[in-house]
PDB file of all heavy atoms in Angstrom:
ATOM      1  N   LEU A   1      15.198  -0.935  -4.488  1.00  0.00           N
ATOM      2  CA  LEU A   1      13.966  -1.705  -4.512  1.00  0.00           C
ATOM      3  C   LEU A   1      12.738  -0.825  -4.681  1.00  0.00           C
ATOM      4  O   LEU A   1      12.796   0.265  -4.186  1.00  0.00           O
ATOM      5  CB  LEU A   1      13.716  -2.465  -3.209  1.00  0.00           C
ATOM      6  CG  LEU A   1      14.646  -3.628  -2.850  1.00  0.00           C
ATOM      7  CD1 LEU A   1      15.980  -3.186  -2.342  1.00  0.00           C
ATOM      8  CD2 LEU A   1      14.044  -4.522  -1.775  1.00  0.00           C
ATOM      9  N   ALA A   2      11.831  -1.344  -5.395  1.00  0.00           N
ATOM     10  CA  ALA A   2      10.505  -0.732  -5.520  1.00  0.00           C
ATOM     11  C   ALA A   2       9.462  -1.726  -5.136  1.00  0.00           C
ATOM     12  O   ALA A   2       9.410  -2.825  -5.640  1.00  0.00           O
ATOM     13  CB  ALA A   2      10.245  -0.148  -6.929  1.00  0.00           C
ATOM     14  N   ILE A   3       8.709  -1.312  -4.118  1.00  0.00           N
ATOM     15  CA  ILE A   3       7.594  -2.228  -3.631  1.00  0.00           C
ATOM     16  C   ILE A   3       6.294  -1.521  -3.875  1.00  0.00           C
ATOM     17  O   ILE A   3       6.212  -0.319  -3.943  1.00  0.00           O
ATOM     18  CB  ILE A   3       7.781  -2.734  -2.154  1.00  0.00           C
ATOM     19  CG1 ILE A   3       7.650  -1.506  -1.160  1.00  0.00           C
ATOM     20  CG2 ILE A   3       9.060  -3.483  -1.966  1.00  0.00           C
ATOM     21  CD1 ILE A   3       7.602  -2.014   0.198  1.00  0.00           C
ATOM     22  N   VAL A   4       5.232  -2.371  -4.105  1.00  0.00           N
ATOM     23  CA  VAL A   4       3.908  -1.806  -4.386  1.00  0.00           C
ATOM     24  C   VAL A   4       2.955  -2.339  -3.308  1.00  0.00           C
ATOM     25  O   VAL A   4       3.025  -3.513  -2.914  1.00  0.00           O
ATOM     26  CB  VAL A   4       3.452  -2.301  -5.764  1.00  0.00           C
ATOM     27  CG1 VAL A   4       2.118  -1.760  -6.095  1.00  0.00           C
ATOM     28  CG2 VAL A   4       4.506  -1.870  -6.794  1.00  0.00           C
ATOM     29  N   PHE A   5       1.945  -1.455  -2.911  1.00  0.00           N
ATOM     30  CA  PHE A   5       0.911  -1.892  -2.087  1.00  0.00           C
ATOM     31  C   PHE A   5      -0.164  -2.478  -2.957  1.00  0.00           C
ATOM     32  O   PHE A   5      -0.565  -1.757  -3.961  1.00  0.00           O
ATOM     33  CB  PHE A   5       0.413  -0.690  -1.223  1.00  0.00           C
ATOM     34  CG  PHE A   5       1.404  -0.218  -0.246  1.00  0.00           C
ATOM     35  CD1 PHE A   5       2.364   0.788  -0.568  1.00  0.00           C
ATOM     36  CD2 PHE A   5       1.452  -0.726   0.979  1.00  0.00           C
ATOM     37  CE1 PHE A   5       3.209   1.247   0.284  1.00  0.00           C
ATOM     38  CE2 PHE A   5       2.359  -0.320   1.937  1.00  0.00           C
ATOM     39  CZ  PHE A   5       3.269   0.734   1.604  1.00  0.00           C
ATOM     40  N   VAL A   6      -0.582  -3.633  -2.702  1.00  0.00           N
ATOM     41  CA  VAL A   6      -1.509  -4.379  -3.616  1.00  0.00           C
ATOM     42  C   VAL A   6      -2.637  -4.918  -2.734  1.00  0.00           C
ATOM     43  O   VAL A   6      -2.392  -5.511  -1.663  1.00  0.00           O
ATOM     44  CB  VAL A   6      -0.737  -5.497  -4.327  1.00  0.00           C
ATOM     45  CG1 VAL A   6      -1.678  -6.407  -5.101  1.00  0.00           C
ATOM     46  CG2 VAL A   6       0.348  -4.842  -5.269  1.00  0.00           C
ATOM     47  N   SER A   7      -3.875  -4.876  -3.255  1.00  0.00           N
ATOM     48  CA  SER A   7      -4.927  -5.535  -2.634  1.00  0.00           C
ATOM     49  C   SER A   7      -4.871  -6.971  -2.630  1.00  0.00           C
ATOM     50  O   SER A   7      -4.544  -7.634  -3.766  1.00  0.00           O
ATOM     51  CB  SER A   7      -6.291  -5.125  -3.311  1.00  0.00           C
ATOM     52  OG  SER A   7      -7.333  -6.030  -2.967  1.00  0.00           O
ATOM     53  N   SER A   8      -4.955  -7.656  -1.498  1.00  0.00           N
ATOM     54  CA  SER A   8      -4.796  -9.166  -1.545  1.00  0.00           C
ATOM     55  C   SER A   8      -6.061  -9.834  -2.038  1.00  0.00           C
ATOM     56  O   SER A   8      -6.101 -11.015  -2.298  1.00  0.00           O
ATOM     57  CB  SER A   8      -4.574  -9.700  -0.092  1.00  0.00           C
ATOM     58  OG  SER A   8      -5.567  -9.356   0.775  1.00  0.00           O
ATOM     59  N   GLU A   9      -7.140  -9.000  -2.259  1.00  0.00           N
ATOM     60  CA  GLU A   9      -8.413  -9.515  -2.761  1.00  0.00           C
ATOM     61  C   GLU A   9      -8.381  -9.665  -4.310  1.00  0.00           C
ATOM     62  O   GLU A   9      -8.869 -10.571  -4.869  1.00  0.00           O
ATOM     63  CB  GLU A   9      -9.548  -8.675  -2.270  1.00  0.00           C
ATOM     64  CG  GLU A   9      -9.738  -8.873  -0.747  1.00  0.00           C
ATOM     65  CD  GLU A   9     -10.778  -7.995  -0.198  1.00  0.00           C
ATOM     66  OE1 GLU A   9     -11.260  -7.033  -0.821  1.00  0.00           O
ATOM     67  OE2 GLU A   9     -11.196  -8.253   0.917  1.00  0.00           O
ATOM     68  N   ASP A  10      -7.963  -8.590  -4.926  1.00  0.00           N
ATOM     69  CA  ASP A  10      -8.020  -8.505  -6.367  1.00  0.00           C
ATOM     70  C   ASP A  10      -6.682  -8.231  -7.123  1.00  0.00           C
ATOM     71  O   ASP A  10      -6.680  -8.142  -8.363  1.00  0.00           O
ATOM     72  CB  ASP A  10      -9.077  -7.512  -6.941  1.00  0.00           C
ATOM     73  CG  ASP A  10      -8.794  -6.126  -6.513  1.00  0.00           C
ATOM     74  OD1 ASP A  10      -7.573  -5.782  -6.099  1.00  0.00           O
ATOM     75  OD2 ASP A  10      -9.658  -5.215  -6.537  1.00  0.00           O
ATOM     76  N   GLY A  11      -5.555  -8.057  -6.343  1.00  0.00           N
ATOM     77  CA  GLY A  11      -4.273  -7.851  -6.977  1.00  0.00           C
ATOM     78  C   GLY A  11      -4.007  -6.527  -7.594  1.00  0.00           C
ATOM     79  O   GLY A  11      -2.996  -6.342  -8.184  1.00  0.00           O
ATOM     80  N   ARG A  12      -4.875  -5.597  -7.336  1.00  0.00           N
ATOM     81  CA  ARG A  12      -4.712  -4.210  -7.923  1.00  0.00           C
ATOM     82  C   ARG A  12      -3.788  -3.356  -6.947  1.00  0.00           C
ATOM     83  O   ARG A  12      -3.901  -3.543  -5.774  1.00  0.00           O
ATOM     84  CB  ARG A  12      -5.976  -3.523  -8.076  1.00  0.00           C
ATOM     85  CG  ARG A  12      -6.856  -4.149  -9.163  1.00  0.00           C
ATOM     86  CD  ARG A  12      -8.119  -3.289  -9.360  1.00  0.00           C
ATOM     87  NE  ARG A  12      -9.084  -4.071 -10.252  1.00  0.00           N
ATOM     88  CZ  ARG A  12     -10.163  -3.603 -10.637  1.00  0.00           C
ATOM     89  NH1 ARG A  12     -10.558  -2.343 -10.314  1.00  0.00           N
ATOM     90  NH2 ARG A  12     -10.925  -4.280 -11.387  1.00  0.00           N
ATOM     91  N   ALA A  13      -3.038  -2.514  -7.559  1.00  0.00           N
ATOM     92  CA  ALA A  13      -2.275  -1.570  -6.757  1.00  0.00           C
ATOM     93  C   ALA A  13      -3.185  -0.658  -6.015  1.00  0.00           C
ATOM     94  O   ALA A  13      -4.188  -0.160  -6.657  1.00  0.00           O
ATOM     95  CB  ALA A  13      -1.305  -0.770  -7.656  1.00  0.00           C
ATOM     96  N   VAL A  14      -2.914  -0.425  -4.712  1.00  0.00           N
ATOM     97  CA  VAL A  14      -3.723   0.482  -3.903  1.00  0.00           C
ATOM     98  C   VAL A  14      -2.870   1.448  -3.074  1.00  0.00           C
ATOM     99  O   VAL A  14      -1.623   1.191  -2.966  1.00  0.00           O
ATOM    100  CB  VAL A  14      -4.636  -0.284  -2.916  1.00  0.00           C
ATOM    101  CG1 VAL A  14      -5.586  -1.189  -3.679  1.00  0.00           C
ATOM    102  CG2 VAL A  14      -3.780  -1.197  -1.995  1.00  0.00           C
ATOM    103  N   GLU A  15      -3.497   2.465  -2.594  1.00  0.00           N
ATOM    104  CA  GLU A  15      -2.719   3.383  -1.714  1.00  0.00           C
ATOM    105  C   GLU A  15      -2.426   2.709  -0.429  1.00  0.00           C
ATOM    106  O   GLU A  15      -3.139   1.815  -0.017  1.00  0.00           O
ATOM    107  CB  GLU A  15      -3.562   4.627  -1.471  1.00  0.00           C
ATOM    108  CG  GLU A  15      -3.711   5.515  -2.645  1.00  0.00           C
ATOM    109  CD  GLU A  15      -4.509   6.745  -2.399  1.00  0.00           C
ATOM    110  OE1 GLU A  15      -4.881   7.012  -1.280  1.00  0.00           O
ATOM    111  OE2 GLU A  15      -4.739   7.515  -3.399  1.00  0.00           O
ATOM    112  N   PRO A  16      -1.331   3.029   0.249  1.00  0.00           N
ATOM    113  CA  PRO A  16      -1.067   2.319   1.551  1.00  0.00           C
ATOM    114  C   PRO A  16      -2.227   2.715   2.504  1.00  0.00           C
ATOM    115  O   PRO A  16      -2.794   3.735   2.415  1.00  0.00           O
ATOM    116  CB  PRO A  16       0.275   3.045   1.964  1.00  0.00           C
ATOM    117  CG  PRO A  16       0.795   3.774   0.776  1.00  0.00           C
ATOM    118  CD  PRO A  16      -0.366   3.930  -0.137  1.00  0.00           C
ATOM    119  N   PRO A  17      -2.438   1.765   3.527  1.00  0.00           N
ATOM    120  CA  PRO A  17      -3.436   2.065   4.467  1.00  0.00           C
ATOM    121  C   PRO A  17      -3.053   3.362   5.207  1.00  0.00           C
ATOM    122  O   PRO A  17      -1.873   3.658   5.359  1.00  0.00           O
ATOM    123  CB  PRO A  17      -3.386   0.837   5.471  1.00  0.00           C
ATOM    124  CG  PRO A  17      -2.771  -0.166   4.574  1.00  0.00           C
ATOM    125  CD  PRO A  17      -1.913   0.503   3.599  1.00  0.00           C
ATOM    126  N   ALA A  18      -4.025   4.192   5.659  1.00  0.00           N
ATOM    127  CA  ALA A  18      -3.806   5.541   6.156  1.00  0.00           C
ATOM    128  C   ALA A  18      -2.778   5.545   7.340  1.00  0.00           C
ATOM    129  O   ALA A  18      -1.929   6.309   7.282  1.00  0.00           O
ATOM    130  CB  ALA A  18      -5.142   6.191   6.566  1.00  0.00           C
ATOM    131  N   PRO A  19      -2.952   4.639   8.372  1.00  0.00           N
ATOM    132  CA  PRO A  19      -1.954   4.688   9.438  1.00  0.00           C
ATOM    133  C   PRO A  19      -0.590   4.296   8.947  1.00  0.00           C
ATOM    134  O   PRO A  19       0.448   4.817   9.520  1.00  0.00           O
ATOM    135  CB  PRO A  19      -2.457   3.700  10.495  1.00  0.00           C
ATOM    136  CG  PRO A  19      -3.550   2.882   9.852  1.00  0.00           C
ATOM    137  CD  PRO A  19      -3.968   3.595   8.599  1.00  0.00           C
ATOM    138  N   VAL A  20      -0.473   3.429   7.996  1.00  0.00           N
ATOM    139  CA  VAL A  20       0.881   3.005   7.428  1.00  0.00           C
ATOM    140  C   VAL A  20       1.548   4.218   6.675  1.00  0.00           C
ATOM    141  O   VAL A  20       2.587   4.588   6.881  1.00  0.00           O
ATOM    142  CB  VAL A  20       0.749   1.833   6.470  1.00  0.00           C
ATOM    143  CG1 VAL A  20       1.995   1.581   5.769  1.00  0.00           C
ATOM    144  CG2 VAL A  20       0.312   0.614   7.295  1.00  0.00           C
ATOM    145  N   LEU A  21       0.671   4.890   5.857  1.00  0.00           N
ATOM    146  CA  LEU A  21       1.125   6.044   5.079  1.00  0.00           C
ATOM    147  C   LEU A  21       1.596   7.199   6.077  1.00  0.00           C
ATOM    148  O   LEU A  21       2.631   7.808   5.863  1.00  0.00           O
ATOM    149  CB  LEU A  21       0.027   6.568   4.179  1.00  0.00           C
ATOM    150  CG  LEU A  21       0.353   7.729   3.276  1.00  0.00           C
ATOM    151  CD1 LEU A  21       1.585   7.463   2.443  1.00  0.00           C
ATOM    152  CD2 LEU A  21      -0.815   8.179   2.465  1.00  0.00           C
ATOM    153  N   ALA A  22       0.773   7.490   7.035  1.00  0.00           N
ATOM    154  CA  ALA A  22       1.138   8.525   8.076  1.00  0.00           C
ATOM    155  C   ALA A  22       2.542   8.237   8.705  1.00  0.00           C
ATOM    156  O   ALA A  22       3.328   9.097   8.881  1.00  0.00           O
ATOM    157  CB  ALA A  22       0.066   8.594   9.173  1.00  0.00           C
ATOM    158  N   ARG A  23       2.751   6.936   9.098  1.00  0.00           N
ATOM    159  CA  ARG A  23       4.002   6.606   9.665  1.00  0.00           C
ATOM    160  C   ARG A  23       5.153   6.681   8.672  1.00  0.00           C
ATOM    161  O   ARG A  23       6.247   7.210   8.990  1.00  0.00           O
ATOM    162  CB  ARG A  23       3.872   5.220  10.307  1.00  0.00           C
ATOM    163  CG  ARG A  23       5.206   4.791  10.989  1.00  0.00           C
ATOM    164  CD  ARG A  23       5.531   5.597  12.261  1.00  0.00           C
ATOM    165  NE  ARG A  23       6.764   5.165  12.826  1.00  0.00           N
ATOM    166  CZ  ARG A  23       7.709   5.991  13.241  1.00  0.00           C
ATOM    167  NH1 ARG A  23       7.487   7.298  13.229  1.00  0.00           N
ATOM    168  NH2 ARG A  23       8.777   5.486  13.737  1.00  0.00           N
ATOM    169  N   LEU A  24       4.931   6.224   7.505  1.00  0.00           N
ATOM    170  CA  LEU A  24       5.994   6.351   6.475  1.00  0.00           C
ATOM    171  C   LEU A  24       6.376   7.807   6.226  1.00  0.00           C
ATOM    172  O   LEU A  24       7.554   8.149   6.161  1.00  0.00           O
ATOM    173  CB  LEU A  24       5.517   5.721   5.155  1.00  0.00           C
ATOM    174  CG  LEU A  24       5.412   4.178   5.213  1.00  0.00           C
ATOM    175  CD1 LEU A  24       4.615   3.699   3.948  1.00  0.00           C
ATOM    176  CD2 LEU A  24       6.809   3.567   5.249  1.00  0.00           C
ATOM    177  N   ARG A  25       5.374   8.653   6.214  1.00  0.00           N
ATOM    178  CA  ARG A  25       5.605  10.083   5.997  1.00  0.00           C
ATOM    179  C   ARG A  25       6.332  10.725   7.142  1.00  0.00           C
ATOM    180  O   ARG A  25       7.302  11.495   6.966  1.00  0.00           O
ATOM    181  CB  ARG A  25       4.354  10.861   5.749  1.00  0.00           C
ATOM    182  CG  ARG A  25       3.718  10.647   4.286  1.00  0.00           C
ATOM    183  CD  ARG A  25       2.524  11.431   4.048  1.00  0.00           C
ATOM    184  NE  ARG A  25       2.090  11.286   2.644  1.00  0.00           N
ATOM    185  CZ  ARG A  25       0.786  11.420   2.324  1.00  0.00           C
ATOM    186  NH1 ARG A  25      -0.153  11.722   3.193  1.00  0.00           N
ATOM    187  NH2 ARG A  25       0.522  11.268   1.059  1.00  0.00           N
TER     188      ARG A  25
END
């Protein structure tokens, strides 16, 4: 699977939120 982080406001791909990214790393 490939999932994308997307803004719920405009539908654009965005970086993961900082705390989420830190935990994923």
